[in-house]
């Protein structure tokens, strides 16, 4: 059976990094992400309802969007299948981190973008956020992680 039209594109995989009011850093897997403006540089990120990430976005704390590399596939289950409400995901990262935009990021990611919330919109089972890119930094030169990589490893079934 052919894939549904919205499951055909092989999109890059991102992680949205947020921080709670209590100072706990959280990471969430995001694939509903798109650049939507060149000037100013803006991104749309859809965040699933009921998540710790969505709760964290209610504050004015910093937000980073990490473009993941193939080597980051090991984080997909942790970031995407475990709730930040039960697990401190930062403590599970066993590699070098570097502070970017006041949050620690793992330097095996391809890049990080510090984001500022512009607006949000209820989009069904997700809340769609529009962000301005405040600054960005490249880290790794490796290959991007794509949805097909997640399909191949049976991490998702779309």
N, C-alpha and C. Protein backbone atom coordinates (compact mmCIF):
# COMPACT_ATOMS: atom_id res chain seq x y z
N UNK A 1 0.84 -1.19 0.00
CA UNK A 1 0.00 0.00 0.00
C UNK A 1 0.88 1.24 0.00
N UNK A 2 0.61 2.21 -0.87
CA UNK A 2 1.43 3.43 -0.91
C UNK A 2 1.25 4.26 0.37
N UNK A 3 2.29 5.02 0.68
CA UNK A 3 2.24 5.92 1.83
C UNK A 3 1.20 7.00 1.57
N UNK A 4 0.63 7.51 2.65
CA UNK A 4 -0.26 8.67 2.54
C UNK A 4 0.58 9.85 2.08
N UNK A 5 -0.02 10.81 1.37
CA UNK A 5 0.76 11.90 0.79
C UNK A 5 1.64 12.65 1.78
N UNK A 6 1.18 12.84 3.02
CA UNK A 6 1.96 13.60 4.00
C UNK A 6 3.10 12.77 4.58
N UNK A 7 3.12 11.47 4.31
CA UNK A 7 4.22 10.62 4.78
C UNK A 7 5.27 10.34 3.70
N UNK A 8 5.08 10.88 2.51
CA UNK A 8 6.03 10.62 1.42
C UNK A 8 7.33 11.40 1.56
N UNK A 9 7.30 12.70 1.89
CA UNK A 9 8.58 13.44 1.95
C UNK A 9 9.53 12.89 3.01
N UNK A 10 10.79 12.86 2.68
CA UNK A 10 11.83 12.41 3.59
C UNK A 10 12.41 13.64 4.29
N UNK A 11 11.76 14.06 5.36
CA UNK A 11 12.09 15.32 6.05
C UNK A 11 13.23 15.15 7.05
N UNK A 12 13.97 16.22 7.32
CA UNK A 12 14.99 16.16 8.36
C UNK A 12 14.35 16.05 9.74
N UNK A 13 15.11 15.52 10.67
CA UNK A 13 14.65 15.34 12.05
C UNK A 13 15.36 16.37 12.93
N UNK A 14 14.57 17.05 13.74
CA UNK A 14 15.05 18.09 14.64
C UNK A 14 14.74 17.71 16.08
N UNK A 15 15.34 18.41 17.01
CA UNK A 15 14.96 18.34 18.41
C UNK A 15 14.76 19.76 18.91
N UNK A 16 13.61 20.00 19.53
CA UNK A 16 13.34 21.29 20.14
C UNK A 16 13.76 21.19 21.60
N UNK A 17 14.67 22.07 22.00
CA UNK A 17 15.21 22.07 23.35
C UNK A 17 14.59 23.22 24.12
N UNK A 18 13.99 22.90 25.25
CA UNK A 18 13.34 23.90 26.09
C UNK A 18 13.79 23.70 27.54
N UNK A 19 13.37 24.61 28.40
CA UNK A 19 13.71 24.50 29.82
C UNK A 19 12.46 24.83 30.64
N UNK A 20 12.27 24.07 31.70
CA UNK A 20 11.09 24.27 32.55
C UNK A 20 11.30 25.43 33.51
N UNK A 21 10.24 25.82 34.17
CA UNK A 21 10.33 26.87 35.20
C UNK A 21 11.27 26.44 36.32
N UNK A 22 11.41 25.13 36.53
CA UNK A 22 12.28 24.60 37.57
C UNK A 22 13.72 24.45 37.09
N UNK A 23 14.00 24.79 35.82
CA UNK A 23 15.36 24.73 35.30
C UNK A 23 15.76 23.40 34.70
N UNK A 24 14.81 22.51 34.43
CA UNK A 24 15.11 21.20 33.85
C UNK A 24 15.05 21.31 32.33
N UNK A 25 16.16 20.96 31.68
CA UNK A 25 16.27 21.01 30.22
C UNK A 25 15.56 19.80 29.63
N UNK A 26 14.81 20.04 28.55
CA UNK A 26 14.08 18.96 27.88
C UNK A 26 14.36 19.00 26.38
N UNK A 27 14.32 17.84 25.76
CA UNK A 27 14.48 17.70 24.32
C UNK A 27 13.27 16.94 23.78
N UNK A 28 12.80 17.35 22.61
CA UNK A 28 11.64 16.72 21.98
C UNK A 28 11.97 16.49 20.51
N UNK A 29 11.60 15.35 19.96
CA UNK A 29 11.80 15.10 18.53
C UNK A 29 10.72 15.85 17.75
N UNK A 30 11.15 16.56 16.70
CA UNK A 30 10.22 17.32 15.86
C UNK A 30 10.52 17.03 14.39
N UNK A 31 9.47 16.69 13.66
CA UNK A 31 9.61 16.52 12.21
C UNK A 31 8.67 17.46 11.46
N UNK A 32 7.70 18.02 12.14
CA UNK A 32 6.83 19.03 11.54
C UNK A 32 7.50 20.39 11.74
N UNK A 33 8.54 20.63 10.94
CA UNK A 33 9.38 21.82 11.04
C UNK A 33 9.60 22.35 9.63
N UNK A 34 9.53 23.67 9.48
CA UNK A 34 9.78 24.26 8.17
C UNK A 34 10.23 25.71 8.30
N UNK A 35 11.21 26.09 7.48
CA UNK A 35 11.55 27.50 7.35
C UNK A 35 10.40 28.15 6.59
N UNK A 36 9.94 29.30 7.05
CA UNK A 36 8.78 29.94 6.42
C UNK A 36 9.05 31.37 5.95
N UNK A 37 10.21 31.92 6.29
CA UNK A 37 10.54 33.29 5.87
C UNK A 37 12.05 33.44 5.83
N UNK A 38 12.54 34.18 4.84
CA UNK A 38 13.97 34.46 4.74
C UNK A 38 14.36 35.71 5.50
N UNK A 39 13.46 36.73 5.46
CA UNK A 39 13.77 38.00 6.11
C UNK A 39 12.52 38.56 6.76
N UNK A 40 12.32 38.42 8.06
CA UNK A 40 13.26 37.83 8.99
C UNK A 40 13.27 36.30 8.84
N UNK A 41 14.36 35.67 9.28
CA UNK A 41 14.46 34.22 9.21
C UNK A 41 13.52 33.64 10.26
N UNK A 42 12.52 32.86 9.78
CA UNK A 42 11.51 32.29 10.67
C UNK A 42 11.31 30.81 10.38
N UNK A 43 10.99 30.09 11.46
CA UNK A 43 10.67 28.68 11.38
C UNK A 43 9.32 28.41 12.01
N UNK A 44 8.63 27.43 11.46
CA UNK A 44 7.41 26.89 12.05
C UNK A 44 7.77 25.55 12.65
N UNK A 45 7.36 25.33 13.89
CA UNK A 45 7.56 24.05 14.56
C UNK A 45 6.23 23.66 15.21
N UNK A 46 5.75 22.47 14.89
CA UNK A 46 4.52 21.97 15.49
C UNK A 46 4.89 21.09 16.69
N UNK A 47 4.28 21.37 17.84
CA UNK A 47 4.58 20.67 19.09
C UNK A 47 3.34 19.92 19.54
N UNK A 48 3.51 18.63 19.77
CA UNK A 48 2.39 17.77 20.16
C UNK A 48 1.80 18.22 21.50
N UNK A 49 0.49 18.22 21.60
CA UNK A 49 -0.19 18.61 22.84
C UNK A 49 0.09 17.62 23.96
N UNK A 50 0.10 18.13 25.17
CA UNK A 50 0.29 17.29 26.35
C UNK A 50 1.74 17.00 26.69
N UNK A 51 2.68 17.59 25.98
CA UNK A 51 4.09 17.31 26.22
C UNK A 51 4.72 18.31 27.18
N UNK A 52 5.84 17.89 27.76
CA UNK A 52 6.61 18.79 28.62
C UNK A 52 7.12 19.97 27.80
N UNK A 53 7.48 19.71 26.54
CA UNK A 53 7.95 20.79 25.67
C UNK A 53 6.90 21.88 25.53
N UNK A 54 5.66 21.48 25.30
CA UNK A 54 4.58 22.46 25.17
C UNK A 54 4.42 23.25 26.45
N UNK A 55 4.48 22.58 27.58
CA UNK A 55 4.39 23.26 28.87
C UNK A 55 5.55 24.25 29.04
N UNK A 56 6.75 23.82 28.66
CA UNK A 56 7.92 24.69 28.79
C UNK A 56 7.82 25.92 27.89
N UNK A 57 7.19 25.79 26.75
CA UNK A 57 7.07 26.91 25.81
C UNK A 57 6.15 28.01 26.34
N UNK A 58 5.41 27.75 27.39
CA UNK A 58 4.53 28.77 27.98
C UNK A 58 5.32 29.84 28.71
N UNK A 59 6.59 29.53 29.04
CA UNK A 59 7.43 30.53 29.71
C UNK A 59 8.20 31.33 28.66
N UNK A 60 8.95 32.29 29.11
CA UNK A 60 9.75 33.10 28.18
C UNK A 60 11.20 32.64 28.17
N UNK A 61 11.44 31.43 28.61
CA UNK A 61 12.80 30.88 28.66
C UNK A 61 13.32 30.66 27.25
N UNK A 62 14.64 30.51 27.09
CA UNK A 62 15.23 30.29 25.77
C UNK A 62 14.81 28.95 25.15
N UNK A 63 14.86 28.90 23.84
CA UNK A 63 14.50 27.71 23.06
C UNK A 63 15.57 27.51 22.00
N UNK A 64 16.01 26.27 21.83
CA UNK A 64 16.92 25.93 20.73
C UNK A 64 16.28 24.89 19.85
N UNK A 65 16.52 25.01 18.56
CA UNK A 65 16.12 23.99 17.60
C UNK A 65 17.40 23.37 17.07
N UNK A 66 17.56 22.06 17.31
CA UNK A 66 18.76 21.35 16.88
C UNK A 66 18.46 20.54 15.63
N UNK A 67 19.27 20.70 14.61
CA UNK A 67 19.19 19.86 13.42
C UNK A 67 20.05 18.64 13.71
N UNK A 68 19.41 17.46 13.75
CA UNK A 68 20.10 16.25 14.19
C UNK A 68 20.91 15.61 13.06
N UNK A 69 21.98 14.94 13.46
CA UNK A 69 22.82 14.19 12.53
C UNK A 69 22.45 12.71 12.63
N UNK A 70 22.91 11.93 11.66
CA UNK A 70 22.66 10.48 11.70
C UNK A 70 23.16 9.86 12.99
N UNK A 71 24.25 10.39 13.53
CA UNK A 71 24.78 9.82 14.77
C UNK A 71 23.86 10.09 15.96
N UNK A 72 22.91 10.99 15.81
CA UNK A 72 21.97 11.29 16.90
C UNK A 72 20.77 10.37 16.94
N UNK A 73 20.71 9.37 16.05
CA UNK A 73 19.57 8.47 15.99
C UNK A 73 19.34 7.78 17.33
N UNK A 74 20.42 7.60 18.11
CA UNK A 74 20.30 6.96 19.42
C UNK A 74 19.42 7.77 20.38
N UNK A 75 19.22 9.06 20.11
CA UNK A 75 18.41 9.90 20.99
C UNK A 75 16.92 9.89 20.64
N UNK A 76 16.55 9.31 19.52
CA UNK A 76 15.16 9.39 19.06
C UNK A 76 14.20 8.75 20.06
N UNK A 77 14.52 7.59 20.55
CA UNK A 77 13.62 6.95 21.53
C UNK A 77 13.52 7.78 22.81
N UNK A 78 14.65 8.27 23.29
CA UNK A 78 14.67 9.07 24.52
C UNK A 78 13.91 10.37 24.33
N UNK A 79 14.20 11.10 23.27
CA UNK A 79 13.59 12.41 23.06
C UNK A 79 12.15 12.32 22.57
N UNK A 80 11.83 11.27 21.83
CA UNK A 80 10.52 11.19 21.21
C UNK A 80 9.54 10.23 21.84
N UNK A 81 10.04 9.25 22.57
CA UNK A 81 9.15 8.22 23.11
C UNK A 81 9.07 8.26 24.63
N UNK A 82 9.89 9.11 25.27
CA UNK A 82 9.87 9.23 26.72
C UNK A 82 9.51 10.66 27.08
N UNK A 83 8.69 10.82 28.07
CA UNK A 83 8.22 12.15 28.45
C UNK A 83 9.19 12.86 29.37
N UNK A 84 9.41 14.12 29.08
CA UNK A 84 10.21 14.97 29.97
C UNK A 84 9.53 15.18 31.31
N UNK A 85 8.27 14.77 31.42
CA UNK A 85 7.57 14.86 32.70
C UNK A 85 8.05 13.78 33.66
N UNK A 86 8.61 12.68 33.11
CA UNK A 86 9.11 11.58 33.93
C UNK A 86 10.63 11.42 33.91
N UNK A 87 11.29 11.92 32.85
CA UNK A 87 12.72 11.67 32.67
C UNK A 87 13.45 12.98 32.44
N UNK A 88 14.56 13.17 33.15
CA UNK A 88 15.45 14.30 32.89
C UNK A 88 16.35 13.87 31.73
N UNK A 89 16.01 14.27 30.52
CA UNK A 89 16.69 13.79 29.32
C UNK A 89 18.13 14.27 29.23
N UNK A 90 18.42 15.44 29.76
CA UNK A 90 19.78 15.96 29.70
C UNK A 90 20.75 15.04 30.42
N UNK A 91 20.33 14.44 31.53
CA UNK A 91 21.21 13.56 32.29
C UNK A 91 21.51 12.26 31.54
N UNK A 92 20.74 11.95 30.51
CA UNK A 92 20.94 10.72 29.72
C UNK A 92 21.89 10.93 28.55
N UNK A 93 22.28 12.17 28.27
CA UNK A 93 23.20 12.46 27.18
C UNK A 93 24.61 12.21 27.67
N UNK A 94 25.30 11.29 27.01
CA UNK A 94 26.64 10.89 27.45
C UNK A 94 27.70 11.35 26.47
N UNK A 95 27.64 12.60 26.08
CA UNK A 95 28.64 13.15 25.17
C UNK A 95 28.87 14.61 25.50
N UNK A 96 29.84 15.18 24.82
CA UNK A 96 30.21 16.57 25.05
C UNK A 96 29.04 17.50 24.74
N UNK A 97 28.86 18.48 25.61
CA UNK A 97 27.87 19.53 25.36
C UNK A 97 28.58 20.87 25.39
N UNK A 98 27.92 21.85 24.83
CA UNK A 98 28.44 23.21 24.77
C UNK A 98 27.25 24.15 24.98
N UNK A 99 27.44 25.21 25.70
CA UNK A 99 26.34 26.14 25.93
C UNK A 99 26.12 26.97 24.67
N UNK A 100 24.86 27.00 24.24
CA UNK A 100 24.46 27.83 23.11
C UNK A 100 23.12 28.45 23.46
N UNK A 101 23.03 29.76 23.42
CA UNK A 101 21.78 30.43 23.77
C UNK A 101 21.37 30.14 25.20
N UNK A 102 22.30 29.95 26.08
CA UNK A 102 22.15 29.66 27.52
C UNK A 102 21.67 28.25 27.83
N UNK A 103 21.59 27.38 26.80
CA UNK A 103 21.23 25.98 27.02
C UNK A 103 22.36 25.07 26.55
N UNK A 104 22.55 23.93 27.23
CA UNK A 104 23.59 23.00 26.78
C UNK A 104 23.10 22.22 25.55
N UNK A 105 23.92 22.19 24.51
CA UNK A 105 23.59 21.41 23.32
C UNK A 105 24.69 20.39 23.09
N UNK A 106 24.34 19.24 22.54
CA UNK A 106 25.35 18.23 22.23
C UNK A 106 25.93 18.56 20.86
N UNK A 107 27.24 18.53 20.79
CA UNK A 107 27.93 19.03 19.61
C UNK A 107 27.98 18.03 18.46
N UNK A 108 27.36 16.87 18.62
CA UNK A 108 27.24 15.94 17.50
C UNK A 108 26.04 16.30 16.61
N UNK A 109 25.21 17.24 17.05
CA UNK A 109 24.14 17.75 16.19
C UNK A 109 24.78 18.56 15.07
N UNK A 110 24.09 18.67 13.94
CA UNK A 110 24.64 19.44 12.83
C UNK A 110 24.68 20.92 13.14
N UNK A 111 23.62 21.43 13.74
CA UNK A 111 23.53 22.86 14.00
C UNK A 111 22.49 23.12 15.08
N UNK A 112 22.56 24.31 15.65
CA UNK A 112 21.57 24.76 16.61
C UNK A 112 21.13 26.16 16.23
N UNK A 113 19.86 26.42 16.45
CA UNK A 113 19.30 27.75 16.22
C UNK A 113 18.61 28.20 17.50
N UNK A 114 18.98 29.35 18.00
CA UNK A 114 18.26 29.93 19.14
C UNK A 114 17.02 30.61 18.57
N UNK A 115 15.87 30.31 19.17
CA UNK A 115 14.60 30.80 18.66
C UNK A 115 13.89 31.69 19.67
N UNK A 116 13.08 32.60 19.14
CA UNK A 116 12.22 33.46 19.95
C UNK A 116 10.80 33.29 19.44
N UNK A 117 9.86 33.00 20.34
CA UNK A 117 8.47 32.80 19.96
C UNK A 117 7.89 34.09 19.39
N UNK A 118 7.25 33.99 18.22
CA UNK A 118 6.52 35.10 17.61
C UNK A 118 5.03 34.94 17.89
N UNK A 119 4.53 33.73 17.63
CA UNK A 119 3.11 33.45 17.87
C UNK A 119 2.88 31.95 17.87
N UNK A 120 1.65 31.56 18.25
CA UNK A 120 1.28 30.15 18.22
C UNK A 120 -0.17 30.03 17.77
N UNK A 121 -0.51 28.84 17.30
CA UNK A 121 -1.84 28.58 16.75
C UNK A 121 -2.21 27.14 17.03
N UNK A 122 -3.41 26.90 17.54
CA UNK A 122 -3.89 25.54 17.73
C UNK A 122 -4.10 24.93 16.35
N UNK A 123 -3.42 23.81 16.11
CA UNK A 123 -3.46 23.19 14.79
C UNK A 123 -4.02 21.78 14.84
N UNK A 124 -4.84 21.46 15.84
CA UNK A 124 -5.40 20.11 15.98
C UNK A 124 -4.72 19.39 17.13
N UNK A 125 -3.99 18.31 16.83
CA UNK A 125 -3.31 17.59 17.90
C UNK A 125 -1.93 18.19 18.23
N UNK A 126 -1.56 19.24 17.51
CA UNK A 126 -0.32 19.98 17.74
C UNK A 126 -0.64 21.47 17.91
N UNK A 127 0.27 22.18 18.56
CA UNK A 127 0.25 23.64 18.57
C UNK A 127 1.38 24.08 17.64
N UNK A 128 1.06 24.91 16.69
CA UNK A 128 2.04 25.38 15.73
C UNK A 128 2.65 26.67 16.24
N UNK A 129 3.98 26.67 16.39
CA UNK A 129 4.70 27.85 16.84
C UNK A 129 5.44 28.49 15.67
N UNK A 130 5.38 29.79 15.63
CA UNK A 130 6.18 30.57 14.68
C UNK A 130 7.30 31.20 15.50
N UNK A 131 8.54 30.96 15.08
CA UNK A 131 9.72 31.44 15.80
C UNK A 131 10.58 32.31 14.89
N UNK A 132 11.18 33.35 15.46
CA UNK A 132 12.26 34.07 14.81
C UNK A 132 13.57 33.39 15.19
N UNK A 133 14.49 33.29 14.25
CA UNK A 133 15.83 32.79 14.54
C UNK A 133 16.65 33.96 15.08
N UNK A 134 17.14 33.82 16.30
CA UNK A 134 17.93 34.86 16.95
C UNK A 134 19.39 34.74 16.52
N UNK A 135 19.90 33.51 16.55
CA UNK A 135 21.26 33.23 16.11
C UNK A 135 21.36 31.74 15.84
N UNK A 136 22.43 31.34 15.15
CA UNK A 136 22.63 29.93 14.86
C UNK A 136 24.11 29.60 14.93
N UNK A 137 24.39 28.30 15.04
CA UNK A 137 25.77 27.83 15.08
C UNK A 137 25.84 26.44 14.47
N UNK A 138 26.87 26.21 13.65
CA UNK A 138 27.14 24.89 13.09
C UNK A 138 28.02 24.11 14.07
N UNK A 139 27.78 22.81 14.17
CA UNK A 139 28.61 21.96 15.02
C UNK A 139 29.28 20.87 14.20
N UNK A 140 28.52 19.90 13.76
CA UNK A 140 29.05 18.73 13.08
C UNK A 140 28.95 18.89 11.56
N UNK A 141 29.81 18.20 10.84
CA UNK A 141 29.77 18.19 9.38
C UNK A 141 29.22 16.86 8.86
N UNK A 142 28.65 16.03 9.73
CA UNK A 142 28.16 14.72 9.30
C UNK A 142 26.84 14.83 8.57
N UNK A 143 26.27 13.69 8.23
CA UNK A 143 25.03 13.64 7.45
C UNK A 143 23.81 13.94 8.32
N UNK A 144 22.80 14.63 7.76
CA UNK A 144 21.57 14.88 8.50
C UNK A 144 20.80 13.58 8.78
N UNK A 145 20.05 13.59 9.85
CA UNK A 145 19.13 12.49 10.17
C UNK A 145 17.80 12.79 9.49
N UNK A 146 17.27 11.81 8.75
CA UNK A 146 16.02 11.97 8.03
C UNK A 146 14.98 10.97 8.51
N UNK A 147 13.72 11.25 8.18
CA UNK A 147 12.63 10.34 8.52
C UNK A 147 12.90 8.92 8.01
N UNK A 148 13.46 8.80 6.81
CA UNK A 148 13.72 7.47 6.26
C UNK A 148 14.67 6.68 7.14
N UNK A 149 15.63 7.36 7.77
CA UNK A 149 16.52 6.67 8.71
C UNK A 149 15.73 6.09 9.87
N UNK A 150 14.73 6.83 10.35
CA UNK A 150 13.88 6.34 11.45
C UNK A 150 13.04 5.17 10.99
N UNK A 151 12.53 5.24 9.75
CA UNK A 151 11.77 4.12 9.17
C UNK A 151 12.65 2.88 9.05
N UNK A 152 13.86 3.07 8.52
CA UNK A 152 14.78 1.94 8.31
C UNK A 152 15.13 1.23 9.59
N UNK A 153 15.25 1.98 10.69
CA UNK A 153 15.57 1.41 12.01
C UNK A 153 14.32 0.99 12.78
N UNK A 154 13.15 1.08 12.11
CA UNK A 154 11.87 0.70 12.72
C UNK A 154 11.53 1.51 13.97
N UNK A 155 12.00 2.77 13.99
CA UNK A 155 11.67 3.67 15.10
C UNK A 155 10.31 4.33 14.87
N UNK A 156 9.90 4.41 13.61
CA UNK A 156 8.57 4.90 13.25
C UNK A 156 8.03 3.98 12.16
N UNK A 157 6.72 4.02 11.97
CA UNK A 157 6.12 3.11 10.99
C UNK A 157 5.38 3.83 9.87
N UNK A 158 5.65 5.11 9.68
CA UNK A 158 4.98 5.82 8.59
C UNK A 158 5.75 5.67 7.29
